[in-house]
């Protein structure tokens, strides 16, 4: 696949990413998908759905965007932001991060994310 094809996978993943029930995740994530999110690893499509549902339950709705996508060495690097839109201490604020995605046969097989809350 070309870098443009891989970018399309990441854009589709981001569009589906905040909807834990989105069937597109079955197409976009490899069956053995692993997300390395700091000290927490998330395994498989259903694990990702639980991760998303937990975030929505804890923080409420959010808005997200991508600042930059780059490709190199078989990886896609993504610089992104997330705005938590619920009022209250646990559910408001802005976060930013970087995620490296490894795509195999048109699906995300693995990703590594680092993130932090903005002040």
PDB file of N, CA and C in Angstrom:
ATOM      1  N   UNK A   1       0.842  -1.187   0.000  1.00  0.00           N
ATOM      2  CA  UNK A   1       0.000   0.000   0.000  1.00  0.00           C
ATOM      3  C   UNK A   1       0.886   1.248   0.000  1.00  0.00           C
ATOM      4  N   UNK A   2       0.372   2.310  -0.552  1.00  0.00           N
ATOM      5  CA  UNK A   2       1.093   3.574  -0.597  1.00  0.00           C
ATOM      6  C   UNK A   2       0.875   4.345   0.709  1.00  0.00           C
ATOM      7  N   UNK A   3       1.696   5.370   0.901  1.00  0.00           N
ATOM      8  CA  UNK A   3       1.505   6.240   2.065  1.00  0.00           C
ATOM      9  C   UNK A   3       0.116   6.866   2.039  1.00  0.00           C
ATOM     10  N   UNK A   4      -0.359   7.258   0.847  1.00  0.00           N
ATOM     11  CA  UNK A   4      -1.694   7.861   0.751  1.00  0.00           C
ATOM     12  C   UNK A   4      -2.775   6.876   1.188  1.00  0.00           C
ATOM     13  N   UNK A   5      -2.630   5.605   0.815  1.00  0.00           N
ATOM     14  CA  UNK A   5      -3.589   4.584   1.258  1.00  0.00           C
ATOM     15  C   UNK A   5      -3.548   4.437   2.775  1.00  0.00           C
ATOM     16  N   UNK A   6      -2.338   4.427   3.333  1.00  0.00           N
ATOM     17  CA  UNK A   6      -2.203   4.318   4.789  1.00  0.00           C
ATOM     18  C   UNK A   6      -2.795   5.538   5.485  1.00  0.00           C
ATOM     19  N   UNK A   7      -2.588   6.736   4.913  1.00  0.00           N
ATOM     20  CA  UNK A   7      -3.195   7.940   5.474  1.00  0.00           C
ATOM     21  C   UNK A   7      -4.722   7.822   5.478  1.00  0.00           C
ATOM     22  N   UNK A   8      -5.285   7.252   4.431  1.00  0.00           N
ATOM     23  CA  UNK A   8      -6.734   7.063   4.358  1.00  0.00           C
ATOM     24  C   UNK A   8      -7.212   6.140   5.476  1.00  0.00           C
ATOM     25  N   UNK A   9      -6.455   5.083   5.761  1.00  0.00           N
ATOM     26  CA  UNK A   9      -6.806   4.180   6.865  1.00  0.00           C
ATOM     27  C   UNK A   9      -6.847   4.955   8.177  1.00  0.00           C
ATOM     28  N   UNK A  10      -5.837   5.772   8.420  1.00  0.00           N
ATOM     29  CA  UNK A  10      -5.776   6.538   9.671  1.00  0.00           C
ATOM     30  C   UNK A  10      -6.910   7.559   9.737  1.00  0.00           C
ATOM     31  N   UNK A  11      -7.204   8.223   8.646  1.00  0.00           N
ATOM     32  CA  UNK A  11      -8.310   9.193   8.642  1.00  0.00           C
ATOM     33  C   UNK A  11      -9.645   8.494   8.920  1.00  0.00           C
ATOM     34  N   UNK A  12      -9.862   7.331   8.313  1.00  0.00           N
ATOM     35  CA  UNK A  12     -11.098   6.568   8.568  1.00  0.00           C
ATOM     36  C   UNK A  12     -11.143   6.102  10.033  1.00  0.00           C
ATOM     37  N   UNK A  13     -10.010   5.667  10.558  1.00  0.00           N
ATOM     38  CA  UNK A  13      -9.921   5.233  11.956  1.00  0.00           C
ATOM     39  C   UNK A  13     -10.285   6.388  12.891  1.00  0.00           C
ATOM     40  N   UNK A  14      -9.757   7.570  12.601  1.00  0.00           N
ATOM     41  CA  UNK A  14     -10.072   8.729  13.438  1.00  0.00           C
ATOM     42  C   UNK A  14     -11.545   9.086  13.355  1.00  0.00           C
ATOM     43  N   UNK A  15     -12.127   8.998  12.186  1.00  0.00           N
ATOM     44  CA  UNK A  15     -13.552   9.301  12.031  1.00  0.00           C
ATOM     45  C   UNK A  15     -14.404   8.305  12.811  1.00  0.00           C
ATOM     46  N   UNK A  16     -13.981   7.063  12.842  1.00  0.00           N
ATOM     47  CA  UNK A  16     -14.722   6.022  13.577  1.00  0.00           C
ATOM     48  C   UNK A  16     -14.307   5.970  15.039  1.00  0.00           C
ATOM     49  N   UNK A  17     -13.169   6.541  15.350  1.00  0.00           N
ATOM     50  CA  UNK A  17     -12.519   6.347  16.635  1.00  0.00           C
ATOM     51  C   UNK A  17     -13.273   6.743  17.872  1.00  0.00           C
ATOM     52  N   UNK A  18     -14.199   7.644  17.761  1.00  0.00           N
ATOM     53  CA  UNK A  18     -14.916   8.091  18.949  1.00  0.00           C
ATOM     54  C   UNK A  18     -16.297   7.466  19.037  1.00  0.00           C
ATOM     55  N   UNK A  19     -16.522   6.448  18.251  1.00  0.00           N
ATOM     56  CA  UNK A  19     -17.815   5.763  18.247  1.00  0.00           C
ATOM     57  C   UNK A  19     -17.557   4.283  18.500  1.00  0.00           C
ATOM     58  N   UNK A  20     -17.661   3.844  19.730  1.00  0.00           N
ATOM     59  CA  UNK A  20     -17.304   2.479  20.105  1.00  0.00           C
ATOM     60  C   UNK A  20     -18.132   1.432  19.373  1.00  0.00           C
ATOM     61  N   UNK A  21     -19.293   1.796  18.870  1.00  0.00           N
ATOM     62  CA  UNK A  21     -20.134   0.829  18.180  1.00  0.00           C
ATOM     63  C   UNK A  21     -19.961   0.868  16.667  1.00  0.00           C
ATOM     64  N   UNK A  22     -19.016   1.625  16.158  1.00  0.00           N
ATOM     65  CA  UNK A  22     -18.828   1.786  14.720  1.00  0.00           C
ATOM     66  C   UNK A  22     -18.296   0.494  14.098  1.00  0.00           C
ATOM     67  N   UNK A  23     -19.016  -0.051  13.135  1.00  0.00           N
ATOM     68  CA  UNK A  23     -18.615  -1.294  12.476  1.00  0.00           C
ATOM     69  C   UNK A  23     -17.365  -1.111  11.622  1.00  0.00           C
ATOM     70  N   UNK A  24     -17.006   0.130  11.291  1.00  0.00           N
ATOM     71  CA  UNK A  24     -15.794   0.366  10.506  1.00  0.00           C
ATOM     72  C   UNK A  24     -14.546  -0.114  11.245  1.00  0.00           C
ATOM     73  N   UNK A  25     -14.596  -0.159  12.564  1.00  0.00           N
ATOM     74  CA  UNK A  25     -13.442  -0.626  13.323  1.00  0.00           C
ATOM     75  C   UNK A  25     -13.088  -2.062  12.955  1.00  0.00           C
ATOM     76  N   UNK A  26     -14.081  -2.887  12.610  1.00  0.00           N
ATOM     77  CA  UNK A  26     -13.813  -4.263  12.197  1.00  0.00           C
ATOM     78  C   UNK A  26     -12.978  -4.307  10.919  1.00  0.00           C
ATOM     79  N   UNK A  27     -13.165  -3.343  10.037  1.00  0.00           N
ATOM     80  CA  UNK A  27     -12.408  -3.267   8.792  1.00  0.00           C
ATOM     81  C   UNK A  27     -11.025  -2.648   8.993  1.00  0.00           C
ATOM     82  N   UNK A  28     -10.916  -1.735   9.942  1.00  0.00           N
ATOM     83  CA  UNK A  28      -9.710  -0.923  10.080  1.00  0.00           C
ATOM     84  C   UNK A  28      -8.663  -1.511  11.007  1.00  0.00           C
ATOM     85  N   UNK A  29      -9.093  -2.322  11.966  1.00  0.00           N
ATOM     86  CA  UNK A  29      -8.157  -2.886  12.940  1.00  0.00           C
ATOM     87  C   UNK A  29      -7.917  -4.362  12.642  1.00  0.00           C
ATOM     88  N   UNK A  30      -6.664  -4.768  12.682  1.00  0.00           N
ATOM     89  CA  UNK A  30      -6.314  -6.174  12.502  1.00  0.00           C
ATOM     90  C   UNK A  30      -6.880  -6.986  13.668  1.00  0.00           C
ATOM     91  N   UNK A  31      -7.184  -8.254  13.441  1.00  0.00           N
ATOM     92  CA  UNK A  31      -7.729  -9.081  14.534  1.00  0.00           C
ATOM     93  C   UNK A  31      -6.814  -9.135  15.765  1.00  0.00           C
ATOM     94  N   UNK A  32      -5.498  -9.062  15.546  1.00  0.00           N
ATOM     95  CA  UNK A  32      -4.555  -9.106  16.668  1.00  0.00           C
ATOM     96  C   UNK A  32      -4.037  -7.708  17.036  1.00  0.00           C
ATOM     97  N   UNK A  33      -4.818  -6.685  16.737  1.00  0.00           N
ATOM     98  CA  UNK A  33      -4.489  -5.287  17.033  1.00  0.00           C
ATOM     99  C   UNK A  33      -4.065  -5.111  18.487  1.00  0.00           C
ATOM    100  N   UNK A  34      -3.025  -4.297  18.690  1.00  0.00           N
ATOM    101  CA  UNK A  34      -2.585  -3.921  20.035  1.00  0.00           C
ATOM    102  C   UNK A  34      -2.304  -2.416  20.044  1.00  0.00           C
ATOM    103  N   UNK A  35      -2.893  -1.733  21.018  1.00  0.00           N
ATOM    104  CA  UNK A  35      -2.609  -0.310  21.234  1.00  0.00           C
ATOM    105  C   UNK A  35      -1.831  -0.192  22.535  1.00  0.00           C
ATOM    106  N   UNK A  36      -0.667   0.404  22.457  1.00  0.00           N
ATOM    107  CA  UNK A  36       0.171   0.642  23.634  1.00  0.00           C
ATOM    108  C   UNK A  36      -0.072   2.089  24.058  1.00  0.00           C
ATOM    109  N   UNK A  37      -0.873   2.270  25.086  1.00  0.00           N
ATOM    110  CA  UNK A  37      -1.250   3.600  25.570  1.00  0.00           C
ATOM    111  C   UNK A  37      -0.610   3.830  26.930  1.00  0.00           C
ATOM    112  N   UNK A  38       0.638   4.204  26.941  1.00  0.00           N
ATOM    113  CA  UNK A  38       1.324   4.408  28.207  1.00  0.00           C
ATOM    114  C   UNK A  38       1.477   3.089  28.938  1.00  0.00           C
ATOM    115  N   UNK A  39       0.948   3.000  30.137  1.00  0.00           N
ATOM    116  CA  UNK A  39       1.072   1.783  30.936  1.00  0.00           C
ATOM    117  C   UNK A  39      -0.022   0.768  30.623  1.00  0.00           C
ATOM    118  N   UNK A  40      -0.930   1.107  29.734  1.00  0.00           N
ATOM    119  CA  UNK A  40      -2.067   0.233  29.421  1.00  0.00           C
ATOM    120  C   UNK A  40      -1.984  -0.248  27.977  1.00  0.00           C
ATOM    121  N   UNK A  41      -2.048  -1.573  27.776  1.00  0.00           N
ATOM    122  CA  UNK A  41      -2.160  -2.134  26.438  1.00  0.00           C
ATOM    123  C   UNK A  41      -3.610  -2.536  26.205  1.00  0.00           C
ATOM    124  N   UNK A  42      -4.101  -2.259  25.017  1.00  0.00           N
ATOM    125  CA  UNK A  42      -5.460  -2.608  24.626  1.00  0.00           C
ATOM    126  C   UNK A  42      -5.344  -3.622  23.492  1.00  0.00           C
ATOM    127  N   UNK A  43      -6.027  -4.762  23.636  1.00  0.00           N
ATOM    128  CA  UNK A  43      -5.900  -5.851  22.672  1.00  0.00           C
ATOM    129  C   UNK A  43      -7.207  -6.073  21.919  1.00  0.00           C
ATOM    130  N   UNK A  44      -7.102  -6.157  20.588  1.00  0.00           N
ATOM    131  CA  UNK A  44      -8.217  -6.541  19.741  1.00  0.00           C
ATOM    132  C   UNK A  44      -9.237  -5.436  19.513  1.00  0.00           C
ATOM    133  N   UNK A  45     -10.116  -5.701  18.553  1.00  0.00           N
ATOM    134  CA  UNK A  45     -11.156  -4.739  18.189  1.00  0.00           C
ATOM    135  C   UNK A  45     -12.111  -4.522  19.357  1.00  0.00           C
ATOM    136  N   UNK A  46     -12.535  -5.604  20.000  1.00  0.00           N
ATOM    137  CA  UNK A  46     -13.458  -5.455  21.133  1.00  0.00           C
ATOM    138  C   UNK A  46     -12.799  -4.743  22.305  1.00  0.00           C
ATOM    139  N   UNK A  47     -11.506  -4.981  22.514  1.00  0.00           N
ATOM    140  CA  UNK A  47     -10.786  -4.261  23.557  1.00  0.00           C
ATOM    141  C   UNK A  47     -10.751  -2.770  23.268  1.00  0.00           C
ATOM    142  N   UNK A  48     -10.562  -2.403  21.990  1.00  0.00           N
ATOM    143  CA  UNK A  48     -10.571  -0.987  21.609  1.00  0.00           C
ATOM    144  C   UNK A  48     -11.946  -0.380  21.836  1.00  0.00           C
ATOM    145  N   UNK A  49     -12.978  -1.139  21.510  1.00  0.00           N
ATOM    146  CA  UNK A  49     -14.340  -0.635  21.749  1.00  0.00           C
ATOM    147  C   UNK A  49     -14.567  -0.386  23.245  1.00  0.00           C
ATOM    148  N   UNK A  50     -14.114  -1.300  24.092  1.00  0.00           N
ATOM    149  CA  UNK A  50     -14.263  -1.102  25.541  1.00  0.00           C
ATOM    150  C   UNK A  50     -13.465   0.120  26.004  1.00  0.00           C
ATOM    151  N   UNK A  51     -12.268   0.300  25.448  1.00  0.00           N
ATOM    152  CA  UNK A  51     -11.430   1.457  25.774  1.00  0.00           C
ATOM    153  C   UNK A  51     -12.153   2.759  25.424  1.00  0.00           C
ATOM    154  N   UNK A  52     -12.734   2.819  24.227  1.00  0.00           N
ATOM    155  CA  UNK A  52     -13.478   4.013  23.807  1.00  0.00           C
ATOM    156  C   UNK A  52     -14.696   4.263  24.686  1.00  0.00           C
ATOM    157  N   UNK A  53     -15.448   3.195  24.978  1.00  0.00           N
ATOM    158  CA  UNK A  53     -16.645   3.329  25.813  1.00  0.00           C
ATOM    159  C   UNK A  53     -16.274   3.813  27.208  1.00  0.00           C
ATOM    160  N   UNK A  54     -15.179   3.307  27.747  1.00  0.00           N
ATOM    161  CA  UNK A  54     -14.725   3.731  29.077  1.00  0.00           C
ATOM    162  C   UNK A  54     -14.357   5.212  29.081  1.00  0.00           C
ATOM    163  N   UNK A  55     -13.664   5.665  28.041  1.00  0.00           N
ATOM    164  CA  UNK A  55     -13.306   7.086  27.945  1.00  0.00           C
ATOM    165  C   UNK A  55     -14.524   7.975  27.847  1.00  0.00           C
ATOM    166  N   UNK A  56     -15.504   7.557  27.047  1.00  0.00           N
ATOM    167  CA  UNK A  56     -16.734   8.339  26.913  1.00  0.00           C
ATOM    168  C   UNK A  56     -17.498   8.361  28.228  1.00  0.00           C
ATOM    169  N   UNK A  57     -17.518   7.227  28.925  1.00  0.00           N
ATOM    170  CA  UNK A  57     -18.214   7.164  30.218  1.00  0.00           C
ATOM    171  C   UNK A  57     -17.544   8.067  31.244  1.00  0.00           C
ATOM    172  N   UNK A  58     -16.224   8.067  31.244  1.00  0.00           N
ATOM    173  CA  UNK A  58     -15.474   8.851  32.229  1.00  0.00           C
ATOM    174  C   UNK A  58     -15.471  10.348  31.910  1.00  0.00           C
ATOM    175  N   UNK A  59     -15.302  10.689  30.620  1.00  0.00           N
ATOM    176  CA  UNK A  59     -15.091  12.090  30.258  1.00  0.00           C
ATOM    177  C   UNK A  59     -16.220  12.713  29.448  1.00  0.00           C
ATOM    178  N   UNK A  60     -17.163  11.916  28.976  1.00  0.00           N
ATOM    179  CA  UNK A  60     -18.241  12.450  28.147  1.00  0.00           C
ATOM    180  C   UNK A  60     -17.801  12.621  26.710  1.00  0.00           C
ATOM    181  N   UNK A  61     -18.569  13.364  25.935  1.00  0.00           N
ATOM    182  CA  UNK A  61     -18.246  13.542  24.521  1.00  0.00           C
ATOM    183  C   UNK A  61     -16.963  14.347  24.333  1.00  0.00           C
ATOM    184  N   UNK A  62     -16.363  14.178  23.166  1.00  0.00           N
ATOM    185  CA  UNK A  62     -15.129  14.903  22.869  1.00  0.00           C
ATOM    186  C   UNK A  62     -15.095  15.278  21.396  1.00  0.00           C
ATOM    187  N   UNK A  63     -14.198  16.182  21.085  1.00  0.00           N
ATOM    188  CA  UNK A  63     -13.900  16.567  19.706  1.00  0.00           C
ATOM    189  C   UNK A  63     -12.417  16.304  19.501  1.00  0.00           C
ATOM    190  N   UNK A  64     -12.044  15.882  18.291  1.00  0.00           N
ATOM    191  CA  UNK A  64     -10.640  15.567  18.034  1.00  0.00           C
ATOM    192  C   UNK A  64     -10.241  16.052  16.655  1.00  0.00           C
ATOM    193  N   UNK A  65      -8.955  16.226  16.469  1.00  0.00           N
ATOM    194  CA  UNK A  65      -8.441  16.623  15.173  1.00  0.00           C
ATOM    195  C   UNK A  65      -7.005  16.174  14.998  1.00  0.00           C
ATOM    196  N   UNK A  66      -6.564  16.187  13.764  1.00  0.00           N
ATOM    197  CA  UNK A  66      -5.206  15.798  13.412  1.00  0.00           C
ATOM    198  C   UNK A  66      -4.455  17.034  12.946  1.00  0.00           C
ATOM    199  N   UNK A  67      -3.302  17.268  13.547  1.00  0.00           N
ATOM    200  CA  UNK A  67      -2.457  18.377  13.131  1.00  0.00           C
ATOM    201  C   UNK A  67      -1.526  17.972  11.991  1.00  0.00           C
ATOM    202  N   UNK A  68      -1.097  16.685  11.997  1.00  0.00           N
ATOM    203  CA  UNK A  68      -0.122  16.282  10.993  1.00  0.00           C
ATOM    204  C   UNK A  68      -0.067  14.766  10.903  1.00  0.00           C
ATOM    205  N   UNK A  69       0.100  14.259   9.688  1.00  0.00           N
ATOM    206  CA  UNK A  69       0.375  12.852   9.424  1.00  0.00           C
ATOM    207  C   UNK A  69       1.676  12.772   8.640  1.00  0.00           C
ATOM    208  N   UNK A  70       2.558  11.866   9.038  1.00  0.00           N
ATOM    209  CA  UNK A  70       3.796  11.654   8.298  1.00  0.00           C
ATOM    210  C   UNK A  70       4.016  10.153   8.160  1.00  0.00           C
ATOM    211  N   UNK A  71       4.728   9.752   7.126  1.00  0.00           N
ATOM    212  CA  UNK A  71       4.999   8.337   6.878  1.00  0.00           C
ATOM    213  C   UNK A  71       6.494   8.117   6.749  1.00  0.00           C
ATOM    214  N   UNK A  72       6.934   6.973   7.232  1.00  0.00           N
ATOM    215  CA  UNK A  72       8.333   6.604   7.087  1.00  0.00           C
ATOM    216  C   UNK A  72       8.615   5.281   7.755  1.00  0.00           C
ATOM    217  N   UNK A  73       9.419   4.466   7.110  1.00  0.00           N
ATOM    218  CA  UNK A  73       9.841   3.216   7.724  1.00  0.00           C
ATOM    219  C   UNK A  73       8.704   2.253   8.016  1.00  0.00           C
ATOM    220  N   UNK A  74       7.646   2.304   7.225  1.00  0.00           N
ATOM    221  CA  UNK A  74       6.513   1.407   7.446  1.00  0.00           C
ATOM    222  C   UNK A  74       5.575   1.838   8.555  1.00  0.00           C
ATOM    223  N   UNK A  75       5.761   3.045   9.045  1.00  0.00           N
ATOM    224  CA  UNK A  75       4.916   3.565  10.122  1.00  0.00           C
ATOM    225  C   UNK A  75       4.252   4.868   9.684  1.00  0.00           C
ATOM    226  N   UNK A  76       3.108   5.160  10.302  1.00  0.00           N
ATOM    227  CA  UNK A  76       2.435   6.447  10.130  1.00  0.00           C
ATOM    228  C   UNK A  76       2.495   7.167  11.467  1.00  0.00           C
ATOM    229  N   UNK A  77       3.057   8.366  11.463  1.00  0.00           N
ATOM    230  CA  UNK A  77       3.083   9.190  12.659  1.00  0.00           C
ATOM    231  C   UNK A  77       1.947  10.192  12.605  1.00  0.00           C
ATOM    232  N   UNK A  78       1.296  10.367  13.726  1.00  0.00           N
ATOM    233  CA  UNK A  78       0.142  11.268  13.797  1.00  0.00           C
ATOM    234  C   UNK A  78       0.297  12.190  15.003  1.00  0.00           C
ATOM    235  N   UNK A  79       0.208  13.488  14.750  1.00  0.00           N
ATOM    236  CA  UNK A  79       0.174  14.479  15.833  1.00  0.00           C
ATOM    237  C   UNK A  79      -1.264  14.951  15.921  1.00  0.00           C
ATOM    238  N   UNK A  80      -1.887  14.837  17.102  1.00  0.00           N
ATOM    239  CA  UNK A  80      -3.328  15.050  17.240  1.00  0.00           C
ATOM    240  C   UNK A  80      -3.658  15.853  18.494  1.00  0.00           C
ATOM    241  N   UNK A  81      -4.918  16.275  18.555  1.00  0.00           N
ATOM    242  CA  UNK A  81      -5.449  16.954  19.739  1.00  0.00           C
ATOM    243  C   UNK A  81      -6.832  16.381  20.053  1.00  0.00           C
ATOM    244  N   UNK A  82      -7.227  16.518  21.300  1.00  0.00           N
ATOM    245  CA  UNK A  82      -8.539  16.057  21.762  1.00  0.00           C
ATOM    246  C   UNK A  82      -9.071  17.081  22.745  1.00  0.00           C
ATOM    247  N   UNK A  83     -10.308  17.500  22.544  1.00  0.00           N
ATOM    248  CA  UNK A  83     -10.947  18.439  23.464  1.00  0.00           C
ATOM    249  C   UNK A  83     -12.092  17.713  24.162  1.00  0.00           C
ATOM    250  N   UNK A  84     -12.009  17.656  25.488  1.00  0.00           N
ATOM    251  CA  UNK A  84     -13.072  17.055  26.298  1.00  0.00           C
ATOM    252  C   UNK A  84     -14.120  18.127  26.515  1.00  0.00           C
ATOM    253  N   UNK A  85     -15.355  17.823  26.166  1.00  0.00           N
ATOM    254  CA  UNK A  85     -16.368  18.867  26.110  1.00  0.00           C
ATOM    255  C   UNK A  85     -17.358  18.856  27.258  1.00  0.00           C
ATOM    256  N   UNK A  86     -17.255  17.881  28.171  1.00  0.00           N
ATOM    257  CA  UNK A  86     -18.198  17.838  29.291  1.00  0.00           C
ATOM    258  C   UNK A  86     -17.752  18.789  30.383  1.00  0.00           C
ATOM    259  N   UNK A  87     -18.697  19.461  31.029  1.00  0.00           N
ATOM    260  CA  UNK A  87     -18.322  20.331  32.151  1.00  0.00           C
ATOM    261  C   UNK A  87     -17.912  19.488  33.355  1.00  0.00           C
ATOM    262  N   UNK A  88     -17.163  20.070  34.237  1.00  0.00           N
ATOM    263  CA  UNK A  88     -16.752  19.372  35.452  1.00  0.00           C
ATOM    264  C   UNK A  88     -15.272  19.038  35.414  1.00  0.00           C
ATOM    265  N   UNK A  89     -14.721  18.721  36.578  1.00  0.00           N
ATOM    266  CA  UNK A  89     -13.291  18.505  36.716  1.00  0.00           C
ATOM    267  C   UNK A  89     -12.780  17.337  35.874  1.00  0.00           C
ATOM    268  N   UNK A  90     -13.518  16.233  35.822  1.00  0.00           N
ATOM    269  CA  UNK A  90     -13.030  15.056  35.106  1.00  0.00           C
ATOM    270  C   UNK A  90     -13.322  15.123  33.620  1.00  0.00           C
ATOM    271  N   UNK A  91     -14.166  16.028  33.189  1.00  0.00           N
ATOM    272  CA  UNK A  91     -14.597  15.969  31.811  1.00  0.00           C
ATOM    273  C   UNK A  91     -14.390  17.214  30.998  1.00  0.00           C
ATOM    274  N   UNK A  92     -13.442  18.054  31.328  1.00  0.00           N
ATOM    275  CA  UNK A  92     -13.199  19.213  30.480  1.00  0.00           C
ATOM    276  C   UNK A  92     -11.704  19.420  30.339  1.00  0.00           C
ATOM    277  N   UNK A  93     -11.322  20.044  29.272  1.00  0.00           N
ATOM    278  CA  UNK A  93      -9.912  20.307  29.041  1.00  0.00           C
ATOM    279  C   UNK A  93      -9.498  19.893  27.649  1.00  0.00           C
ATOM    280  N   UNK A  94      -8.216  20.025  27.400  1.00  0.00           N
ATOM    281  CA  UNK A  94      -7.676  19.702  26.076  1.00  0.00           C
ATOM    282  C   UNK A  94      -6.436  18.838  26.267  1.00  0.00           C
ATOM    283  N   UNK A  95      -6.288  17.871  25.397  1.00  0.00           N
ATOM    284  CA  UNK A  95      -5.172  16.942  25.435  1.00  0.00           C
ATOM    285  C   UNK A  95      -4.524  16.951  24.049  1.00  0.00           C
ATOM    286  N   UNK A  96      -3.245  16.668  24.002  1.00  0.00           N
ATOM    287  CA  UNK A  96      -2.581  16.492  22.716  1.00  0.00           C
ATOM    288  C   UNK A  96      -1.640  15.307  22.815  1.00  0.00           C
ATOM    289  N   UNK A  97      -1.282  14.746  21.660  1.00  0.00           N
ATOM    290  CA  UNK A  97      -0.410  13.589  21.688  1.00  0.00           C
ATOM    291  C   UNK A  97       0.140  13.233  20.325  1.00  0.00           C
ATOM    292  N   UNK A  98       0.927  12.185  20.347  1.00  0.00           N
ATOM    293  CA  UNK A  98       1.516  11.627  19.138  1.00  0.00           C
ATOM    294  C   UNK A  98       1.274  10.127  19.169  1.00  0.00           C
ATOM    295  N   UNK A  99       0.827   9.594  18.039  1.00  0.00           N
ATOM    296  CA  UNK A  99       0.614   8.160  17.905  1.00  0.00           C
ATOM    297  C   UNK A  99       1.371   7.666  16.688  1.00  0.00           C
ATOM    298  N   UNK A 100       2.066   6.550  16.853  1.00  0.00           N
ATOM    299  CA  UNK A 100       2.701   5.851  15.744  1.00  0.00           C
ATOM    300  C   UNK A 100       1.840   4.634  15.441  1.00  0.00           C
ATOM    301  N   UNK A 101       1.441   4.486  14.175  1.00  0.00           N
ATOM    302  CA  UNK A 101       0.605   3.378  13.743  1.00  0.00           C
ATOM    303  C   UNK A 101       1.418   2.467  12.822  1.00  0.00           C
ATOM    304  N   UNK A 102       1.311   1.167  13.039  1.00  0.00           N
ATOM    305  CA  UNK A 102       1.891   0.194  12.106  1.00  0.00           C
ATOM    306  C   UNK A 102       0.734  -0.440  11.344  1.00  0.00           C
ATOM    307  N   UNK A 103       0.741  -0.294  10.034  1.00  0.00           N
ATOM    308  CA  UNK A 103      -0.341  -0.798   9.196  1.00  0.00           C
ATOM    309  C   UNK A 103       0.171  -2.004   8.410  1.00  0.00           C
ATOM    310  N   UNK A 104      -0.605  -3.083   8.452  1.00  0.00           N
ATOM    311  CA  UNK A 104      -0.276  -4.312   7.732  1.00  0.00           C
ATOM    312  C   UNK A 104      -1.500  -4.708   6.910  1.00  0.00           C
ATOM    313  N   UNK A 105      -1.306  -4.885   5.621  1.00  0.00           N
ATOM    314  CA  UNK A 105      -2.390  -5.297   4.719  1.00  0.00           C
ATOM    315  C   UNK A 105      -3.631  -4.410   4.843  1.00  0.00           C
ATOM    316  N   UNK A 106      -3.402  -3.105   4.955  1.00  0.00           N
ATOM    317  CA  UNK A 106      -4.515  -2.158   4.971  1.00  0.00           C
ATOM    318  C   UNK A 106      -5.244  -2.039   6.296  1.00  0.00           C
ATOM    319  N   UNK A 107      -4.699  -2.629   7.373  1.00  0.00           N
ATOM    320  CA  UNK A 107      -5.327  -2.546   8.698  1.00  0.00           C
ATOM    321  C   UNK A 107      -4.285  -2.125   9.730  1.00  0.00           C
ATOM    322  N   UNK A 108      -4.750  -1.438  10.756  1.00  0.00           N
ATOM    323  CA  UNK A 108      -3.843  -1.038  11.834  1.00  0.00           C
ATOM    324  C   UNK A 108      -3.578  -2.265  12.697  1.00  0.00           C
ATOM    325  N   UNK A 109      -2.312  -2.653  12.762  1.00  0.00           N
ATOM    326  CA  UNK A 109      -1.930  -3.833  13.533  1.00  0.00           C
ATOM    327  C   UNK A 109      -1.472  -3.458  14.944  1.00  0.00           C
ATOM    328  N   UNK A 110      -0.848  -2.299  15.043  1.00  0.00           N
ATOM    329  CA  UNK A 110      -0.279  -1.907  16.336  1.00  0.00           C
ATOM    330  C   UNK A 110      -0.125  -0.399  16.351  1.00  0.00           C
ATOM    331  N   UNK A 111      -0.230   0.163  17.548  1.00  0.00           N
ATOM    332  CA  UNK A 111       0.017   1.597  17.679  1.00  0.00           C
ATOM    333  C   UNK A 111       0.579   1.903  19.058  1.00  0.00           C
ATOM    334  N   UNK A 112       1.333   2.990  19.106  1.00  0.00           N
ATOM    335  CA  UNK A 112       1.958   3.473  20.334  1.00  0.00           C
ATOM    336  C   UNK A 112       1.560   4.928  20.495  1.00  0.00           C
ATOM    337  N   UNK A 113       1.036   5.280  21.648  1.00  0.00           N
ATOM    338  CA  UNK A 113       0.562   6.654  21.861  1.00  0.00           C
ATOM    339  C   UNK A 113       1.188   7.247  23.118  1.00  0.00           C
ATOM    340  N   UNK A 114       1.540   8.517  23.009  1.00  0.00           N
ATOM    341  CA  UNK A 114       1.917   9.327  24.166  1.00  0.00           C
ATOM    342  C   UNK A 114       1.035  10.553  24.143  1.00  0.00           C
ATOM    343  N   UNK A 115       0.560  10.962  25.308  1.00  0.00           N
ATOM    344  CA  UNK A 115      -0.368  12.079  25.368  1.00  0.00           C
ATOM    345  C   UNK A 115      -0.209  12.828  26.675  1.00  0.00           C
ATOM    346  N   UNK A 116      -0.668  14.057  26.678  1.00  0.00           N
ATOM    347  CA  UNK A 116      -0.683  14.826  27.911  1.00  0.00           C
ATOM    348  C   UNK A 116      -1.793  15.857  27.855  1.00  0.00           C
ATOM    349  N   UNK A 117      -2.289  16.205  29.027  1.00  0.00           N
ATOM    350  CA  UNK A 117      -3.303  17.246  29.143  1.00  0.00           C
ATOM    351  C   UNK A 117      -2.617  18.598  29.022  1.00  0.00           C
ATOM    352  N   UNK A 118      -3.246  19.498  28.295  1.00  0.00           N
ATOM    353  CA  UNK A 118      -2.748  20.873  28.206  1.00  0.00           C
ATOM    354  C   UNK A 118      -3.107  21.590  29.490  1.00  0.00           C
ATOM    355  N   UNK A 119      -2.358  22.610  29.802  1.00  0.00           N
ATOM    356  CA  UNK A 119      -2.655  23.385  31.005  1.00  0.00           C
ATOM    357  C   UNK A 119      -3.533  24.559  30.689  1.00  0.00           C
TER     358      UNK A 119
END
